[in-house]
Protein backbone atom coordinates (compact mmCIF):
# COMPACT_ATOMS: atom_id res chain seq x y z
CA MET A 1 181.68 51.22 355.54
CA GLN A 2 184.00 48.43 354.38
CA VAL A 3 185.97 49.05 351.15
CA ARG A 4 186.65 45.94 349.15
CA LEU A 5 190.14 45.35 347.71
CA SER A 6 188.65 44.74 344.23
CA ASP A 7 187.02 48.20 344.25
CA THR A 8 190.32 49.83 345.17
CA ILE A 9 192.16 48.08 342.32
CA ARG A 10 189.40 49.05 339.86
CA CYS A 11 189.65 52.73 340.87
CA PHE A 12 193.41 52.62 340.49
CA HIS A 13 193.10 51.24 336.95
CA VAL A 14 190.61 53.97 336.00
CA ILE A 15 192.94 56.69 337.28
CA MET A 16 195.93 55.25 335.44
CA ARG A 17 193.98 54.95 332.17
CA SER A 18 192.98 58.61 332.52
CA LYS A 19 196.58 59.66 333.01
CA VAL A 20 197.70 57.63 329.98
CA PHE A 21 194.95 59.24 327.90
CA ILE A 22 196.02 62.74 328.99
CA ILE A 23 199.67 62.01 328.21
CA LEU A 24 198.80 60.61 324.76
CA ALA A 25 196.59 63.61 324.01
CA LEU A 26 199.33 66.05 324.96
CA THR A 27 201.86 64.12 322.88
CA LEU A 28 199.63 64.23 319.81
CA LEU A 29 199.02 67.93 320.28
CA LEU A 30 202.70 68.77 320.57
CA THR A 31 203.74 66.64 317.60
CA ARG A 32 200.97 67.70 315.22
CA GLU A 33 202.59 68.75 311.92
CA CYS A 34 202.75 72.42 311.03
CA LYS A 35 201.61 73.75 314.41
CA ASN A 36 205.00 74.46 315.97
CA VAL A 37 205.94 77.73 314.28
CA SER A 38 209.37 79.25 314.79
CA PRO A 39 210.18 82.96 314.34
CA ALA A 40 211.65 82.03 310.95
CA GLY A 41 208.31 80.71 309.79
CA GLU A 42 209.53 77.13 310.07
CA LYS A 43 207.05 74.45 311.05
CA GLY A 44 208.22 71.84 313.52
CA GLU A 45 209.77 68.54 312.44
CA PRO A 46 208.88 65.45 314.46
CA THR A 47 212.37 64.02 313.99
CA ALA A 48 215.78 65.62 313.47
CA ARG A 49 217.14 65.63 309.93
CA ASN A 50 220.72 66.86 309.88
CA TRP A 51 220.80 67.19 306.09
CA VAL A 52 218.12 69.91 306.01
CA ILE A 53 219.20 73.48 305.18
CA SER A 54 217.77 75.21 308.23
CA GLY A 55 217.70 78.39 310.30
CA PHE A 56 216.06 80.71 307.77
CA GLU A 57 214.45 83.82 309.23
CA LYS A 58 212.34 86.18 307.17
CA ALA A 59 213.84 89.68 307.03
CA ASP A 60 210.75 91.34 308.48
CA SER A 61 212.41 94.73 308.94
CA ILE A 62 212.78 95.16 305.17
CA ASN A 63 210.53 92.61 303.43
CA PRO A 64 209.29 92.72 300.78
CA ILE A 65 212.63 93.78 299.32
CA LEU A 66 211.41 94.31 295.76
CA GLY A 67 208.14 95.52 294.29
CA PRO A 68 206.89 96.63 290.84
CA SER A 69 208.17 99.85 289.26
CA PRO A 70 205.22 101.00 287.13
CA GLY A 71 207.12 103.89 285.55
CA ARG A 72 209.81 101.79 283.87
CA LEU A 73 209.47 101.77 280.08
CA PHE A 74 210.82 99.27 277.54
CA PHE A 75 210.35 99.14 273.78
CA CYS A 76 208.86 95.72 273.10
CA PRO A 77 209.96 94.51 269.65
CA LEU A 78 206.90 92.27 269.31
CA ALA A 79 204.26 94.75 270.49
CA GLY A 80 206.01 97.45 268.47
CA LYS A 81 205.64 100.04 271.22
CA GLU A 82 206.88 101.09 274.62
CA VAL A 83 205.41 99.06 277.50
CA ARG A 84 205.53 99.44 281.26
CA TRP A 85 207.27 96.11 281.57
CA GLU A 86 207.05 95.70 285.37
CA GLU A 87 203.85 97.60 286.01
CA LYS A 88 201.85 94.71 287.44
CA ASN A 89 204.01 92.32 289.51
CA VAL A 90 207.56 91.21 290.28
CA LEU A 91 208.07 87.69 291.55
CA ASN A 92 209.97 84.41 291.58
CA PRO A 93 213.66 85.44 291.56
CA THR A 94 216.86 83.50 291.16
CA ALA A 95 220.20 84.77 292.45
CA VAL A 96 223.94 84.48 291.89
CA VAL A 97 227.05 86.05 293.44
CA ARG A 98 229.40 87.88 291.07
CA ASP A 99 232.24 90.32 291.84
CA GLY A 100 231.28 90.50 295.51
CA LYS A 101 227.64 91.40 294.83
CA ILE A 102 224.34 89.54 294.63
CA PHE A 103 222.61 89.67 291.27
CA LEU A 104 218.90 88.94 291.33
CA ILE A 105 217.17 87.85 288.12
CA TYR A 106 213.45 88.22 288.60
CA ARG A 107 210.20 87.82 286.69
CA ALA A 108 208.24 91.00 285.97
CA GLN A 109 204.76 91.34 284.45
CA ASP A 110 203.19 94.20 282.52
CA ARG A 111 199.47 94.96 282.69
CA ASP A 112 198.79 92.43 279.90
CA MET A 113 200.51 89.82 282.11
CA THR A 114 203.38 89.30 279.67
CA SER A 115 206.49 88.27 281.63
CA ARG A 116 210.08 89.40 281.13
CA LEU A 117 213.19 88.91 283.25
CA GLY A 118 214.77 91.86 285.03
CA LEU A 119 218.10 92.20 286.83
CA ALA A 120 218.85 93.88 290.17
CA VAL A 121 222.14 94.22 292.09
CA SER A 122 222.93 94.42 295.81
CA ASP A 123 225.98 94.90 298.04
CA ASP A 124 224.30 93.40 301.10
CA GLY A 125 221.63 91.03 299.78
CA LEU A 126 218.83 93.21 301.12
CA HIS A 127 218.87 96.52 299.24
CA PHE A 128 218.74 96.19 295.46
CA THR A 129 219.18 98.53 292.49
CA LYS A 130 217.30 97.51 289.34
CA LEU A 131 218.59 97.78 285.80
CA PRO A 132 216.17 99.91 283.76
CA ALA A 133 215.36 97.32 281.06
CA PRO A 134 214.76 93.57 281.08
CA VAL A 135 217.68 91.28 280.25
CA LEU A 136 215.65 88.39 278.81
CA TYR A 137 212.39 88.87 276.95
CA PRO A 138 210.37 87.68 273.93
CA GLY A 139 211.87 89.03 270.74
CA ASN A 140 211.99 88.56 266.98
CA ASP A 141 213.95 85.34 267.20
CA SER A 142 213.42 81.60 266.78
CA LEU A 143 211.91 81.34 270.28
CA ARG A 144 209.10 83.79 269.54
CA VAL A 145 206.71 80.93 268.80
CA TYR A 146 207.22 79.64 272.36
CA GLU A 147 207.53 82.93 274.26
CA TRP A 148 204.83 85.21 272.91
CA LYS A 149 202.58 86.45 274.29
CA GLY A 150 202.88 84.92 277.71
CA GLY A 151 206.57 85.70 278.00
CA VAL A 152 209.54 84.27 279.89
CA GLU A 153 209.16 83.23 283.52
CA ASP A 154 210.63 81.73 286.66
CA PRO A 155 214.44 81.63 286.19
CA ARG A 156 216.94 79.41 287.98
CA ILE A 157 220.68 79.95 287.58
CA VAL A 158 223.95 78.05 288.08
CA GLU A 159 227.49 78.33 286.70
CA SER A 160 229.48 75.93 284.57
CA GLU A 161 233.08 75.07 285.47
CA ASP A 162 234.30 77.79 283.06
CA SER A 163 232.05 80.43 284.72
CA THR A 164 229.41 80.50 281.99
CA TYR A 165 225.99 81.20 283.50
CA ILE A 166 223.35 78.58 282.77
CA LEU A 167 219.77 79.80 283.12
CA THR A 168 216.69 77.61 282.98
CA TYR A 169 213.43 79.46 282.46
CA THR A 170 209.87 78.90 281.33
CA ALA A 171 208.67 80.06 277.92
CA TYR A 172 204.90 80.54 277.78
CA ASP A 173 202.98 81.08 274.56
CA GLY A 174 199.66 81.60 276.33
CA LYS A 175 198.73 77.92 276.09
CA THR A 176 201.73 75.69 276.85
CA ALA A 177 204.64 76.21 279.22
CA ARG A 178 207.99 74.90 278.00
CA LEU A 179 211.19 74.60 280.01
CA CYS A 180 213.95 76.45 278.13
CA LEU A 181 217.61 77.29 278.61
CA ALA A 182 219.88 80.29 278.00
CA THR A 183 223.55 81.07 278.64
CA SER A 184 225.50 84.25 279.39
CA GLU A 185 228.98 85.47 280.26
CA ASP A 186 227.86 88.67 282.01
CA LEU A 187 224.23 88.18 283.19
CA VAL A 188 223.04 90.91 280.80
CA ASN A 189 223.46 89.44 277.34
CA TRP A 190 221.85 86.05 276.90
CA LYS A 191 221.92 83.38 274.20
CA LYS A 192 218.74 81.31 274.00
CA HIS A 193 219.11 77.57 273.34
CA GLY A 194 215.48 76.56 273.07
CA PRO A 195 213.33 73.96 274.84
CA VAL A 196 215.13 71.62 277.23
CA LEU A 197 212.95 68.68 276.13
CA GLY A 198 213.75 69.39 272.49
CA GLU A 199 211.49 69.91 269.50
CA GLY A 200 210.68 66.25 268.89
CA LYS A 201 208.00 64.14 270.55
CA ARG A 202 207.89 66.34 273.67
CA ARG A 203 207.79 69.65 271.86
CA ASP A 204 204.29 70.43 273.11
CA VAL A 205 204.53 68.76 276.52
CA TRP A 206 203.92 71.13 279.44
CA SER A 207 207.24 71.51 281.31
CA LYS A 208 208.65 74.01 283.83
CA SER A 209 211.14 74.72 286.57
CA GLY A 210 214.57 73.22 285.96
CA ALA A 211 216.89 72.81 288.99
CA ILE A 212 220.37 71.62 288.01
CA VAL A 213 222.42 69.57 290.50
CA SER A 214 225.35 71.74 291.61
CA ARG A 215 227.96 72.03 294.33
CA LEU A 216 228.70 75.11 296.40
CA VAL A 217 232.31 76.32 296.14
CA GLY A 218 232.68 79.47 298.21
CA ASN A 219 230.08 81.79 296.72
CA ARG A 220 229.87 79.93 293.40
CA VAL A 221 227.13 77.45 292.51
CA ILE A 222 228.80 75.12 290.00
CA ALA A 223 226.93 72.51 287.97
CA THR A 224 228.50 69.14 288.73
CA LYS A 225 228.54 65.84 286.87
CA ILE A 226 227.47 62.62 288.56
CA GLY A 227 228.38 59.42 286.74
CA GLY A 228 229.68 61.43 283.80
CA LYS A 229 226.45 63.43 283.31
CA TYR A 230 224.78 66.61 284.52
CA TRP A 231 221.38 66.13 286.17
CA MET A 232 218.31 68.34 286.39
CA TYR A 233 215.04 68.06 288.33
CA PHE A 234 212.02 69.61 286.63
CA GLY A 235 208.20 69.62 286.63
CA ASP A 236 205.32 71.36 288.39
CA THR A 237 202.99 68.55 289.43
CA ASP A 238 205.30 65.58 289.84
CA LEU A 239 209.08 65.98 289.58
CA PHE A 240 210.99 64.38 286.71
CA MET A 241 214.65 64.34 285.66
CA ALA A 242 216.83 65.01 282.63
CA THR A 243 220.54 64.45 281.97
CA SER A 244 223.08 66.23 279.81
CA PRO A 245 226.69 65.79 278.68
CA ASP A 246 227.29 69.54 278.30
CA LEU A 247 224.54 71.54 280.12
CA ILE A 248 223.03 72.53 276.75
CA HIS A 249 221.60 69.34 275.28
CA TRP A 250 219.28 67.41 277.59
CA ASP A 251 217.48 64.06 277.52
CA ALA A 252 214.54 63.32 279.79
CA ILE A 253 214.73 60.16 281.89
CA GLU A 254 212.05 57.72 280.76
CA LYS A 255 210.46 54.54 282.00
CA LYS A 256 211.75 51.73 279.81
CA GLU A 257 208.41 49.94 279.96
CA THR A 258 206.26 52.81 278.69
CA GLY A 259 208.55 55.54 277.39
CA SER A 260 206.85 58.01 279.73
CA LEU A 261 208.68 60.41 282.03
CA LEU A 262 209.95 58.89 285.27
CA PRO A 263 208.55 60.68 288.36
CA VAL A 264 211.03 60.96 291.23
CA LEU A 265 208.96 63.06 293.67
CA ASN A 266 205.18 63.14 294.01
CA PRO A 267 202.51 65.03 295.97
CA ARG A 268 201.36 63.38 299.22
CA PRO A 269 197.75 63.31 300.45
CA GLY A 270 197.45 64.76 303.93
CA TYR A 271 200.59 66.87 303.74
CA PHE A 272 201.49 70.45 302.81
CA ASP A 273 202.53 69.18 299.36
CA SER A 274 199.28 67.33 298.66
CA ARG A 275 198.44 69.12 295.38
CA LEU A 276 201.76 69.52 293.54
CA VAL A 277 205.53 69.68 293.86
CA GLU A 278 207.93 71.91 291.89
CA PRO A 279 211.70 72.55 292.19
CA GLY A 280 212.95 75.57 294.09
CA PRO A 281 216.55 76.78 293.56
CA PHE A 282 219.38 74.58 292.24
CA ALA A 283 219.73 71.11 293.75
CA LEU A 284 222.66 71.18 296.21
CA LEU A 285 225.17 68.30 296.10
CA THR A 286 226.45 67.57 299.63
CA GLU A 287 228.41 64.80 301.35
CA VAL A 288 225.23 63.07 302.46
CA GLY A 289 223.23 63.46 299.27
CA ILE A 290 221.47 65.94 296.98
CA VAL A 291 219.33 68.42 298.89
CA LEU A 292 216.44 69.78 296.84
CA ILE A 293 214.40 72.65 298.22
CA TYR A 294 211.05 72.34 296.50
CA ASN A 295 207.85 74.34 296.25
CA SER A 296 204.48 72.78 296.84
CA SER A 297 200.77 73.49 296.93
CA ASN A 298 198.20 72.29 299.43
CA ALA A 299 195.26 70.47 297.86
CA GLY A 300 191.62 71.43 298.25
CA SER A 301 190.86 68.16 300.03
CA TYR A 302 192.78 65.34 301.75
CA ASN A 303 195.37 67.97 302.56
CA ASP A 304 197.21 69.61 305.45
CA THR A 305 194.26 71.11 307.30
CA VAL A 306 196.46 73.68 309.08
CA LEU A 307 197.41 75.46 305.83
CA PRO A 308 194.87 77.23 303.60
CA GLU A 309 193.69 75.32 300.55
CA PHE A 310 196.03 75.87 297.56
CA ALA A 311 198.65 77.62 299.72
CA TYR A 312 202.19 77.48 298.35
CA ALA A 313 204.90 76.50 300.83
CA ALA A 314 208.34 74.88 300.60
CA GLY A 315 209.82 71.62 301.81
CA GLN A 316 213.08 69.74 301.30
CA ALA A 317 214.00 66.34 299.88
CA LEU A 318 217.21 64.32 299.98
CA PHE A 319 218.28 62.23 296.99
CA ASP A 320 221.16 59.76 296.63
CA ARG A 321 224.37 61.56 295.59
CA ASP A 322 225.31 58.70 293.22
CA LEU A 323 221.80 57.86 292.01
CA PRO A 324 220.04 61.26 291.82
CA PHE A 325 216.68 59.68 290.99
CA ARG A 326 216.62 57.72 294.27
CA LEU A 327 214.76 59.50 297.06
CA ILE A 328 216.31 58.92 300.50
CA ASP A 329 214.37 61.22 302.80
CA ARG A 330 211.85 64.02 302.75
CA THR A 331 210.61 66.56 305.28
CA THR A 332 207.10 65.98 306.56
CA SER A 333 206.43 69.66 307.15
CA CYS A 334 207.10 72.90 305.32
CA PHE A 335 209.92 75.21 306.45
CA ILE A 336 208.57 78.39 304.87
CA PHE A 337 204.90 79.21 304.33
CA PRO A 338 202.67 82.28 303.86
CA ASP A 339 202.07 83.93 307.23
CA ARG A 340 202.87 87.60 306.51
CA PRO A 341 200.32 90.03 305.02
CA TYR A 342 202.30 90.48 301.78
CA GLU A 343 202.44 86.68 301.39
CA LYS A 344 198.76 86.18 302.08
CA THR A 345 197.29 88.77 299.72
CA GLY A 346 198.27 89.63 296.16
CA GLU A 347 197.88 88.48 292.56
CA VAL A 348 197.60 84.93 293.93
CA ASN A 349 196.88 84.67 297.64
CA ASN A 350 198.84 82.56 300.12
CA VAL A 351 202.08 82.07 298.20
CA CYS A 352 205.71 81.69 299.24
CA PHE A 353 207.57 80.51 296.12
CA VAL A 354 211.32 79.97 296.55
CA GLU A 355 213.74 80.09 293.62
CA GLY A 356 216.95 81.89 294.64
CA LEU A 357 219.62 80.63 297.06
CA VAL A 358 223.13 82.03 297.52
CA SER A 359 225.95 81.91 300.04
CA PHE A 360 227.11 85.45 300.77
CA LYS A 361 229.15 86.93 303.63
CA ASN A 362 228.84 83.77 305.75
CA LYS A 363 225.07 83.67 305.38
CA MET A 364 222.57 81.88 303.16
CA PHE A 365 220.07 84.14 301.41
CA LEU A 366 216.84 82.53 300.23
CA TYR A 367 214.82 84.67 297.81
CA TYR A 368 211.17 84.00 297.14
CA GLY A 369 208.06 85.40 295.50
CA THR A 370 205.20 86.54 297.73
CA ALA A 371 201.58 86.16 296.62
CA ASP A 372 202.89 86.36 293.00
CA SER A 373 203.25 90.12 293.53
CA LYS A 374 206.52 91.02 295.29
CA ILE A 375 209.86 89.54 296.34
CA ALA A 376 211.16 88.79 299.85
CA VAL A 377 214.19 87.18 301.47
CA ALA A 378 214.89 84.84 304.39
CA VAL A 379 218.41 84.64 305.83
CA SER A 380 220.29 81.89 307.66
CA ALA A 381 223.79 81.81 309.14
CA ARG A 382 225.93 79.45 307.08
CA PRO A 383 227.55 76.69 309.18
CA GLU A 384 231.33 76.56 309.02
C-alpha cells in the first residue's frame, strides 16, 4: 500500500497537537492555586515574591497550645457575680516580647459568650502559663456602653518609642462592633481611650481589627511614623486606614469626593479572600514596603473552590513604604489555612485567624485562633 506524503504530515500534526495538549494540561494542574500544600500548610505561589514572610510550620507536636480553663473564676463588676470567664472558648491572640519572655494577650469567652482579654506568659513561645484573671474587661467605666454585654475582643499590640504598649481591640455591645484603643506600661493594668473612630459621625459605624504600621527592632515591635504620622489598617470586609500624630487620637482616611472611608484592600472573586479581608498582626515596615498579613474568608460562590465555603485563611499584601495606602503586590494564595482537626471543627468551623507575630530566639512565632475555640502557633526561622 502506498502512503501519501500529505497523510504522513497530517498524522504528525495530530501527534504534536496531542503532545501540546498534554503539556498544557499538566502545566495547569501543577500551577492551580491552593493545591500545592507544603508541610507548613502553605499553598503554592505561582511566582516568587521575596517580600513575603515565609517558612511557617505549624507546631503539630504541641498544637493547640492554649485551650479554655472552665474552672477559672472572676468577679464581673457588671454581672455582679463570679463568672467562669474562659469557660467556653479562647481564641485570637496577640503577642509581645518583654523581659525575655513572650506575653500572649488572648480573647476568652464565658458561657454567655461575653469576651474578656486574658494574659499568658512563656519562656519558649510554646508552653504558656495563664494569669488567673482577665487584664482587660467590661467594667463600670465610660466604655461600658460600648463593651457590655458582648465584651472586648481580638487584640493587636505594638510599642511606642518610649515602650508604652498600644493595644487595639474590639468593643462589642451586642449590636455594633467598635475599634477601640488602650495603653499600658506593664501589660496588666490598662487605660482605655475609647473608640478609634471617635464619638462623632462614625460613633455607630461598625469597625474592627486595627493593625498599626511598625518596624521590628530586635524583639520589639515599634510603631513608626511615615510622613510625620502613624498609620493603621482596619476593617473586616474591606480594609481602610487611619492616621494619628500620637497613637492615641486617630482620623480615618476619607475619599474627598464623598467623605466615605477609603478602601485600600478588597475581597477578590475566585480567590481564597473572596468574601472578606481583615488585618492580622501589626503591619511590618520593611525596606521594600509594608507587609500586611491579613485574614480572609472564602465566599459561598465565585470563590476558591479548593477551600470550604466561608473558610478563614491568611494571605499577605505589600503596600508602599512612603504611601501606605498604595497597594504594590498581593499573594494569590493563602499561606495558612484550616487543615488540622482542631482548625476544622469548633465554635466556628474551618478557621485559622492570625493576630500575633513576634521575633523570639531567632525565630518568628505566628499565633492564631483555631475554629474560634483554641489557640495554635506556627514557627519560622528568622532570616539573618
